[in-house]
Amino acid sequence: MGSGGREHALAWKLASSAGLNELHSAPGNPGIAALGTCHPVRAEDGEGLLSLCRESRIDLVVVGPEAPLVVGLADTLRRNGIAVFGPTRSAARIEGSKSFAKDVLDAAGVPTARRLSTAEPPCVVKADGLAAGKGVFVCRTQDELDAGLRAATALGGDVLVEELLEGEEVSLFAITDGTRAVALAPSQDFKRVGDGDTGPNTGGMGSYSPVPAVGEGEVEELLDSVYRPVLAELARREAPFTGLLYAGLMLTEDGPRVLEFNCRFGDPETQSVVPRLDGDLLPLLWGAATGELDGHEAAVRDDAAVTVVLAGGHYPERGDTGTLIEGVDEAEAAGALVFHAGTARREGRLVTNGGRVLAVTATGQDVGAARTAAYAGVDRISFAGMRYRRDIGLVAAEQHVHT
């Protein structure tokens, strides 16, 4: 369920599963259409999705975006006997309400940014509800704080003010059946629209995996110190979390701190994490959805992956529609994975249909090699106004060279 680059990456991985009979997508996109059957049902249309599941005799629904989960889509499907990879409405509040997430973290004893009673720079201003990745404002000056408070207030709902944490950010996904948690490879994403982390926040302009500072030992420590206490606390609140729990973490001098939780796969991190998964994704998703994750592992390949997002010329202010896209086949022929994020087919031609249009992913023996291959793919693709960052994974690639 869904239509973005994250959903295309998941569909691409699931299409290779030995246990898959048929792959259906609602509403899907032109990239997913090459892997399975797309249906013109929106992700928010619970009744339409239920009908589709019955007609197509669907065994498992994998929910991509957060909004349907926060309003309770998984509950509707489960009540009708359909297995769902994704949390209930009550558990999805961990993303739907930042103040609820803070309460859970505090109760579970998990380190996070302190709430501030007064808004003074430096600080972070957050809209409490969903904002498609655009509701967080880092405010180092009074001008930035004034602008951040205006923007967060304009999104409606409550506003949270937190201390500004310094360090390296990392995204860690864990597949969970409510009690057990299996971590996928750590990744890092790039939220600002411009090189050098300049310009407004976006849904994400690129990602890479692995993250030099987070090895296997650190991942296991994070499962123990963050994920298991939070899962236990949600269960205690009678809101057990099943599906994909994703923590955005800041690696500070005082140890890891949780910045936020999401209740679904991240985008564009998924496009870098999934190609590094060694083995079949479907049994992991099925195990989480059915409460039988015991014994499942998520082996990670020794390579690296880098993803570069190609966005419309006016992103993130607005999307782009109807502009001809060229060169996707050439990029794929050169070895890149091209995930469709905001595309459509008009009269047989591929055109833009969103803010983030494509995600170009490549793997290599290290971040530097993957980066070179990803940008080689980007160089083959063009559409009027196309914009992208040129520094995705650059620091990590340089670190690797020096170590």
Protein backbone atom coordinates (compact mmCIF):
# COMPACT_ATOMS: atom_id res chain seq x y z
CA MET A 1 0.00 0.00 0.00
CA GLY A 2 1.34 3.35 -1.12
CA SER A 3 2.83 4.94 -4.18
CA GLY A 4 6.30 6.23 -3.35
CA GLY A 5 9.94 5.22 -3.60
CA ARG A 6 9.80 3.35 -0.30
CA GLU A 7 6.92 1.21 -1.57
CA HIS A 8 8.71 0.52 -4.86
CA ALA A 9 11.81 -0.62 -2.93
CA LEU A 10 9.70 -2.94 -0.75
CA ALA A 11 7.84 -4.31 -3.78
CA TRP A 12 11.15 -4.85 -5.60
CA LYS A 13 12.49 -6.91 -2.68
CA LEU A 14 9.24 -8.84 -2.10
CA ALA A 15 8.98 -9.67 -5.82
CA SER A 16 12.05 -11.92 -5.45
CA SER A 17 10.57 -13.85 -2.50
CA ALA A 18 10.19 -17.61 -2.84
CA GLY A 19 6.95 -17.44 -0.84
CA LEU A 20 5.22 -14.88 -3.04
CA ASN A 21 2.39 -15.96 -5.34
CA GLU A 22 1.04 -12.56 -6.43
CA LEU A 23 2.01 -8.98 -5.76
CA HIS A 24 -0.70 -6.31 -5.72
CA SER A 25 -0.31 -2.60 -5.01
CA ALA A 26 -2.75 0.17 -4.15
CA PRO A 27 -2.37 2.62 -5.75
CA GLY A 28 1.22 1.81 -6.74
CA ASN A 29 3.25 3.64 -9.38
CA PRO A 30 4.78 2.90 -12.81
CA GLY A 31 7.81 1.26 -11.21
CA ILE A 32 5.70 -1.07 -9.07
CA ALA A 33 3.48 -1.82 -12.08
CA ALA A 34 6.43 -3.63 -13.67
CA LEU A 35 6.50 -6.02 -10.67
CA GLY A 36 2.83 -6.68 -9.95
CA THR A 37 -0.75 -5.50 -10.42
CA CYS A 38 -1.63 -1.92 -9.45
CA HIS A 39 -5.16 -0.95 -8.40
CA PRO A 40 -6.61 2.60 -8.38
CA VAL A 41 -7.41 2.53 -4.66
CA ARG A 42 -5.99 5.24 -2.44
CA ALA A 43 -4.10 4.28 0.72
CA GLU A 44 -6.64 6.24 2.83
CA ASP A 45 -9.66 4.35 1.42
CA GLY A 46 -10.17 1.67 4.08
CA GLU A 47 -13.37 0.24 2.56
CA GLY A 48 -11.89 0.18 -0.93
CA LEU A 49 -8.82 -1.62 0.34
CA LEU A 50 -10.93 -4.14 2.23
CA SER A 51 -12.87 -4.90 -0.95
CA LEU A 52 -9.63 -5.26 -2.91
CA CYS A 53 -8.24 -7.66 -0.30
CA ARG A 54 -11.36 -9.83 -0.51
CA GLU A 55 -11.53 -9.83 -4.30
CA SER A 56 -7.84 -10.64 -4.74
CA ARG A 57 -7.74 -13.02 -1.72
CA ILE A 58 -4.84 -11.15 -0.13
CA ASP A 59 -2.97 -12.94 2.68
CA LEU A 60 -0.79 -10.06 3.87
CA VAL A 61 -1.08 -6.28 3.57
CA VAL A 62 2.13 -4.22 3.93
CA VAL A 63 1.32 -0.59 4.69
CA GLY A 64 3.84 1.93 3.39
CA PRO A 65 2.78 5.45 4.50
CA GLU A 66 2.09 6.63 8.04
CA ALA A 67 -1.19 8.53 7.61
CA PRO A 68 -3.43 5.44 7.04
CA LEU A 69 -1.84 3.73 10.07
CA VAL A 70 -2.41 6.72 12.34
CA VAL A 71 -6.14 6.77 11.46
CA GLY A 72 -6.51 3.02 12.08
CA LEU A 73 -6.36 1.24 8.73
CA ALA A 74 -4.60 -1.79 10.25
CA ASP A 75 -7.43 -2.15 12.80
CA THR A 76 -10.06 -2.21 10.02
CA LEU A 77 -8.23 -4.89 8.04
CA ARG A 78 -7.43 -7.04 11.09
CA ARG A 79 -11.03 -6.96 12.29
CA ASN A 80 -11.88 -8.52 8.94
CA GLY A 81 -9.35 -11.32 9.28
CA ILE A 82 -6.55 -9.92 7.08
CA ALA A 83 -2.96 -10.04 8.36
CA VAL A 84 -1.33 -6.58 8.32
CA PHE A 85 2.28 -5.48 8.58
CA GLY A 86 1.73 -2.22 10.44
CA PRO A 87 0.63 -1.06 13.90
CA THR A 88 -2.85 -0.43 15.26
CA ARG A 89 -4.16 3.10 15.61
CA SER A 90 -3.28 3.15 19.32
CA ALA A 91 0.31 2.01 18.70
CA ALA A 92 0.78 4.30 15.67
CA ARG A 93 0.34 7.26 18.03
CA ILE A 94 4.09 6.89 18.62
CA GLU A 95 4.42 8.75 15.30
CA GLY A 96 1.06 10.50 15.19
CA SER A 97 1.68 12.41 18.43
CA LYS A 98 5.15 13.55 19.46
CA SER A 99 3.94 14.32 22.98
CA PHE A 100 2.62 10.74 23.32
CA ALA A 101 6.02 9.47 22.11
CA LYS A 102 7.75 11.63 24.74
CA ASP A 103 5.50 10.20 27.47
CA VAL A 104 6.32 6.64 26.35
CA LEU A 105 10.07 7.36 26.25
CA ASP A 106 10.01 8.95 29.71
CA ALA A 107 8.01 6.06 31.18
CA ALA A 108 10.34 3.50 29.54
CA GLY A 109 13.46 5.31 30.80
CA VAL A 110 14.83 5.84 27.30
CA PRO A 111 17.10 8.90 26.83
CA THR A 112 15.64 11.62 24.60
CA ALA A 113 15.84 15.38 24.11
CA ARG A 114 14.58 17.41 27.10
CA ARG A 115 11.33 19.33 26.69
CA LEU A 116 11.83 23.07 27.21
CA SER A 117 9.23 25.22 28.96
CA THR A 118 10.34 28.38 27.12
CA ALA A 119 11.32 28.77 23.47
CA GLU A 120 14.83 30.22 23.29
CA PRO A 121 17.55 29.51 20.73
CA PRO A 122 19.22 27.12 20.31
CA CYS A 123 16.30 24.68 20.34
CA VAL A 124 14.17 22.44 18.15
CA VAL A 125 10.53 23.25 17.39
CA LYS A 126 8.24 20.34 16.43
CA ALA A 127 4.66 20.14 15.25
CA ASP A 128 2.98 17.53 17.45
CA GLY A 129 1.11 15.72 14.65
CA LEU A 130 1.97 14.29 11.24
CA ALA A 131 3.74 16.65 8.83
CA ALA A 132 5.18 14.33 6.13
CA GLY A 133 8.71 14.77 7.47
CA LYS A 134 8.47 18.56 7.31
CA GLY A 135 7.33 19.40 10.87
CA VAL A 136 10.72 19.77 12.61
CA PHE A 137 12.59 23.09 12.74
CA VAL A 138 16.15 23.44 14.03
CA CYS A 139 16.48 26.95 15.48
CA ARG A 140 19.97 28.26 16.27
CA THR A 141 19.03 31.96 16.04
CA GLN A 142 16.06 34.07 17.12
CA ASP A 143 15.07 34.61 13.47
CA GLU A 144 15.06 30.85 12.85
CA LEU A 145 13.03 30.35 16.04
CA ASP A 146 10.42 32.93 15.01
CA ALA A 147 10.13 31.31 11.57
CA GLY A 148 10.02 27.80 13.07
CA LEU A 149 7.26 28.68 15.53
CA ARG A 150 5.23 30.29 12.73
CA ALA A 151 5.65 27.27 10.44
CA ALA A 152 4.91 24.69 13.16
CA THR A 153 1.84 26.61 14.34
CA ALA A 154 0.58 26.87 10.75
CA LEU A 155 0.49 23.05 10.57
CA GLY A 156 -2.20 23.10 13.28
CA GLY A 157 -2.21 21.26 16.59
CA ASP A 158 0.22 21.59 19.47
CA VAL A 159 3.86 22.63 19.25
CA LEU A 160 6.74 21.07 21.22
CA VAL A 161 10.01 22.81 22.05
CA GLU A 162 13.06 20.64 22.83
CA GLU A 163 16.75 21.06 23.51
CA LEU A 164 18.96 21.00 20.41
CA LEU A 165 21.10 17.87 20.45
CA GLU A 166 24.43 17.84 18.62
CA GLY A 167 26.03 14.77 17.05
CA GLU A 168 25.55 12.35 14.20
CA GLU A 169 22.04 11.30 13.21
CA VAL A 170 21.19 7.70 12.40
CA SER A 171 18.01 5.89 11.39
CA LEU A 172 17.46 2.37 12.69
CA PHE A 173 14.55 0.19 11.59
CA ALA A 174 13.34 -2.74 13.67
CA ILE A 175 10.75 -5.28 12.54
CA THR A 176 8.72 -6.34 15.57
CA ASP A 177 5.83 -8.63 16.48
CA GLY A 178 5.17 -6.68 19.68
CA THR A 179 7.74 -8.40 21.88
CA ARG A 180 10.64 -9.52 19.69
CA ALA A 181 12.57 -7.05 17.52
CA VAL A 182 14.83 -7.72 14.53
CA ALA A 183 16.99 -4.78 13.44
CA LEU A 184 17.78 -3.96 9.82
CA ALA A 185 20.95 -2.17 8.71
CA PRO A 186 21.44 1.35 10.13
CA SER A 187 21.25 4.22 7.67
CA GLN A 188 21.53 7.97 7.54
CA ASP A 189 19.29 10.32 5.57
CA PHE A 190 19.65 13.90 4.39
CA LYS A 191 16.65 16.07 5.21
CA ARG A 192 17.65 19.53 3.96
CA VAL A 193 17.05 20.31 0.31
CA GLY A 194 20.50 21.79 -0.41
CA ASP A 195 24.12 20.67 -0.34
CA GLY A 196 25.83 21.10 3.01
CA ASP A 197 22.50 20.71 4.83
CA THR A 198 21.16 24.09 3.68
CA GLY A 199 17.63 25.19 2.84
CA PRO A 200 14.29 23.93 4.14
CA ASN A 201 13.57 20.46 5.51
CA THR A 202 12.16 17.89 3.08
CA GLY A 203 10.86 14.34 3.24
CA GLY A 204 14.49 13.31 2.53
CA MET A 205 16.93 13.97 -0.32
CA GLY A 206 19.06 10.83 -0.07
CA SER A 207 20.48 8.18 2.24
CA TYR A 208 23.29 5.72 2.70
CA SER A 209 24.02 2.53 4.63
CA PRO A 210 26.01 1.36 6.61
CA VAL A 211 26.76 4.19 9.05
CA PRO A 212 30.44 4.11 10.14
CA ALA A 213 29.66 4.84 13.82
CA VAL A 214 27.04 2.08 14.23
CA GLY A 215 28.30 -1.50 13.95
CA GLU A 216 26.64 -4.78 14.96
CA GLY A 217 27.48 -4.29 18.64
CA GLU A 218 25.97 -0.81 18.72
CA VAL A 219 22.82 -2.05 16.98
CA GLU A 220 22.33 -4.75 19.62
CA GLU A 221 22.86 -2.15 22.38
CA LEU A 222 20.21 0.09 20.80
CA LEU A 223 17.73 -2.80 20.67
CA ASP A 224 18.33 -3.30 24.40
CA SER A 225 18.36 0.35 25.46
CA VAL A 226 15.68 1.80 23.15
CA TYR A 227 13.49 -0.71 21.34
CA ARG A 228 12.78 -3.38 23.95
CA PRO A 229 11.88 -0.89 26.75
CA VAL A 230 9.59 1.07 24.36
CA LEU A 231 7.88 -2.11 23.10
CA ALA A 232 7.35 -3.22 26.71
CA GLU A 233 5.88 0.17 27.64
CA LEU A 234 3.50 0.17 24.67
CA ALA A 235 2.37 -3.35 25.58
CA ARG A 236 1.84 -2.19 29.18
CA ARG A 237 -0.42 0.57 27.81
CA GLU A 238 -2.41 -2.09 25.91
CA ALA A 239 -1.12 -0.69 22.61
CA PRO A 240 1.30 -3.45 21.52
CA PHE A 241 3.32 -2.38 18.49
CA THR A 242 3.64 -4.74 15.52
CA GLY A 243 5.23 -3.78 12.23
CA LEU A 244 8.19 -1.47 11.63
CA LEU A 245 9.33 0.72 14.50
CA TYR A 246 11.85 3.29 13.32
CA ALA A 247 13.84 5.46 15.68
CA GLY A 248 15.60 8.60 14.54
CA LEU A 249 18.60 8.77 16.88
CA MET A 250 21.26 11.37 17.66
CA LEU A 251 24.64 9.96 18.67
CA THR A 252 25.68 12.58 21.25
CA GLU A 253 28.81 12.73 23.42
CA ASP A 254 26.60 11.44 26.26
CA GLY A 255 25.33 8.46 24.27
CA PRO A 256 22.41 7.89 21.88
CA ARG A 257 19.25 10.00 22.27
CA VAL A 258 15.93 9.35 20.54
CA LEU A 259 14.85 12.29 18.36
CA GLU A 260 11.58 10.76 17.16
CA PHE A 261 9.78 7.54 16.35
CA ASN A 262 8.08 6.57 13.12
CA CYS A 263 5.61 3.71 12.74
CA ARG A 264 6.66 2.62 9.22
CA PHE A 265 9.64 2.23 6.91
CA GLY A 266 11.47 5.51 6.31
CA ASP A 267 11.81 7.13 2.91
CA PRO A 268 14.48 7.38 1.42
CA GLU A 269 16.33 5.17 3.94
CA THR A 270 14.40 2.07 2.83
CA GLN A 271 15.88 2.44 -0.65
CA SER A 272 19.38 2.02 0.86
CA VAL A 273 18.54 -0.52 3.58
CA VAL A 274 16.48 -3.04 1.59
CA PRO A 275 19.10 -3.74 -1.14
CA ARG A 276 21.57 -4.68 1.65
CA LEU A 277 19.20 -7.26 3.15
CA ASP A 278 20.67 -10.70 2.52
CA GLY A 279 17.77 -13.09 2.13
CA ASP A 280 14.01 -13.02 2.00
CA LEU A 281 12.04 -10.09 3.44
CA LEU A 282 8.60 -11.70 3.22
CA PRO A 283 8.98 -14.19 6.15
CA LEU A 284 10.07 -11.29 8.40
CA LEU A 285 7.00 -9.22 7.52
CA TRP A 286 4.70 -12.24 7.85
CA GLY A 287 6.27 -13.20 11.20
CA ALA A 288 5.72 -9.70 12.56
CA ALA A 289 2.13 -9.55 11.29
CA THR A 290 1.24 -12.94 12.79
CA GLY A 291 3.16 -12.64 16.08
CA GLU A 292 5.67 -15.31 15.11
CA LEU A 293 8.96 -13.51 14.59
CA ASP A 294 10.86 -15.92 16.84
CA GLY A 295 13.82 -17.50 15.07
CA HIS A 296 13.88 -14.96 12.24
CA GLU A 297 17.07 -13.05 11.45
CA ALA A 298 17.80 -10.19 9.06
CA ALA A 299 21.23 -10.91 7.65
CA VAL A 300 22.99 -7.87 6.19
CA ARG A 301 25.33 -7.98 3.21
CA ASP A 302 28.90 -6.69 3.52
CA ASP A 303 28.40 -4.04 0.85
CA ALA A 304 27.20 -0.42 1.05
CA ALA A 305 24.31 1.40 -0.63
CA VAL A 306 23.78 5.06 -1.52
CA THR A 307 20.47 6.60 -2.64
CA VAL A 308 20.12 10.00 -4.35
CA VAL A 309 16.65 11.54 -4.63
CA LEU A 310 15.79 13.43 -7.82
CA ALA A 311 13.21 16.10 -7.03
CA GLY A 312 11.16 18.61 -8.98
CA GLY A 313 12.51 22.12 -9.42
CA HIS A 314 10.15 23.68 -6.84
CA TYR A 315 10.42 20.95 -4.17
CA PRO A 316 9.68 21.09 -1.22
CA GLU A 317 7.33 24.09 -1.77
CA ARG A 318 5.34 22.18 -4.37
CA GLY A 319 5.49 19.16 -6.64
CA ASP A 320 5.96 18.81 -10.38
CA THR A 321 3.52 17.17 -12.78
CA GLY A 322 3.60 16.20 -16.42
CA THR A 323 7.28 16.87 -17.16
CA LEU A 324 8.86 14.25 -19.43
CA ILE A 325 11.49 12.02 -17.73
CA GLU A 326 14.28 10.53 -19.81
CA GLY A 327 17.15 8.12 -19.16
CA VAL A 328 15.71 5.73 -16.56
CA ASP A 329 16.36 2.66 -18.73
CA GLU A 330 19.94 3.82 -19.35
CA ALA A 331 20.55 4.28 -15.60
CA GLU A 332 19.19 0.79 -14.88
CA ALA A 333 21.27 -0.71 -17.72
CA ALA A 334 24.35 0.83 -16.08
CA GLY A 335 23.60 -1.05 -12.85
CA ALA A 336 21.61 1.45 -10.77
CA LEU A 337 18.30 0.67 -9.11
CA VAL A 338 15.78 3.38 -9.99
CA PHE A 339 12.84 3.55 -7.58
CA HIS A 340 9.81 5.55 -8.70
CA ALA A 341 8.61 8.06 -6.09
CA GLY A 342 6.48 10.61 -7.93
CA THR A 343 5.96 9.41 -11.50
CA ALA A 344 3.08 8.63 -13.84
CA ARG A 345 2.57 7.28 -17.35
CA ARG A 346 0.84 9.59 -19.83
CA GLU A 347 0.30 8.29 -23.35
CA GLY A 348 2.99 5.70 -22.79
CA ARG A 349 5.59 8.20 -21.62
CA LEU A 350 7.06 8.51 -18.12
CA VAL A 351 6.39 11.93 -16.55
CA THR A 352 6.78 13.62 -13.17
CA ASN A 353 3.93 13.37 -10.66
CA GLY A 354 5.14 14.64 -7.29
CA GLY A 355 7.84 16.46 -5.35
CA ARG A 356 10.35 13.67 -5.01
CA VAL A 357 10.28 12.05 -8.44
CA LEU A 358 12.86 9.23 -8.46
CA ALA A 359 15.34 7.65 -6.06
CA VAL A 360 18.53 6.33 -7.65
CA THR A 361 20.27 3.63 -5.58
CA ALA A 362 23.51 1.79 -6.18
CA THR A 363 25.53 -0.68 -4.15
CA GLY A 364 29.30 -1.07 -3.96
CA GLN A 365 32.02 -2.54 -1.77
CA ASP A 366 32.00 0.63 0.38
CA VAL A 367 30.11 3.92 0.60
CA GLY A 368 32.54 5.60 -1.80
CA ALA A 369 32.07 2.98 -4.52
CA ALA A 370 28.28 2.94 -4.03
CA ARG A 371 28.24 6.73 -4.20
CA THR A 372 30.18 6.81 -7.46
CA ALA A 373 27.79 4.26 -8.99
CA ALA A 374 24.67 6.09 -7.75
CA TYR A 375 25.76 9.42 -9.21
CA ALA A 376 26.71 7.69 -12.47
CA GLY A 377 23.05 6.56 -12.61
CA VAL A 378 21.84 10.08 -11.79
CA ASP A 379 23.92 11.47 -14.68
CA ARG A 380 21.91 9.37 -17.16
CA ILE A 381 18.50 10.69 -16.04
CA SER A 382 17.02 14.07 -16.90
CA PHE A 383 13.82 16.08 -16.69
CA ALA A 384 13.27 19.84 -16.79
CA GLY A 385 13.98 21.45 -13.40
CA MET A 386 15.50 18.28 -11.88
CA ARG A 387 17.28 19.03 -8.61
CA TYR A 388 19.31 16.80 -6.30
CA ARG A 389 22.03 17.00 -3.69
CA ARG A 390 25.59 16.28 -4.75
CA ASP A 391 26.92 15.45 -1.28
CA ILE A 392 24.91 12.35 -0.29
CA GLY A 393 27.23 10.01 1.62
CA LEU A 394 30.27 12.22 0.95
CA VAL A 395 31.49 12.53 4.55
CA ALA A 396 30.99 8.79 5.19
CA ALA A 397 32.89 7.97 1.99
CA GLU A 398 35.79 10.19 3.06
CA GLN A 399 35.81 8.68 6.57
CA HIS A 400 36.06 5.22 5.06
CA VAL A 401 38.99 6.25 2.87
CA HIS A 402 40.85 7.63 5.88
CA THR A 403 40.28 4.66 8.23
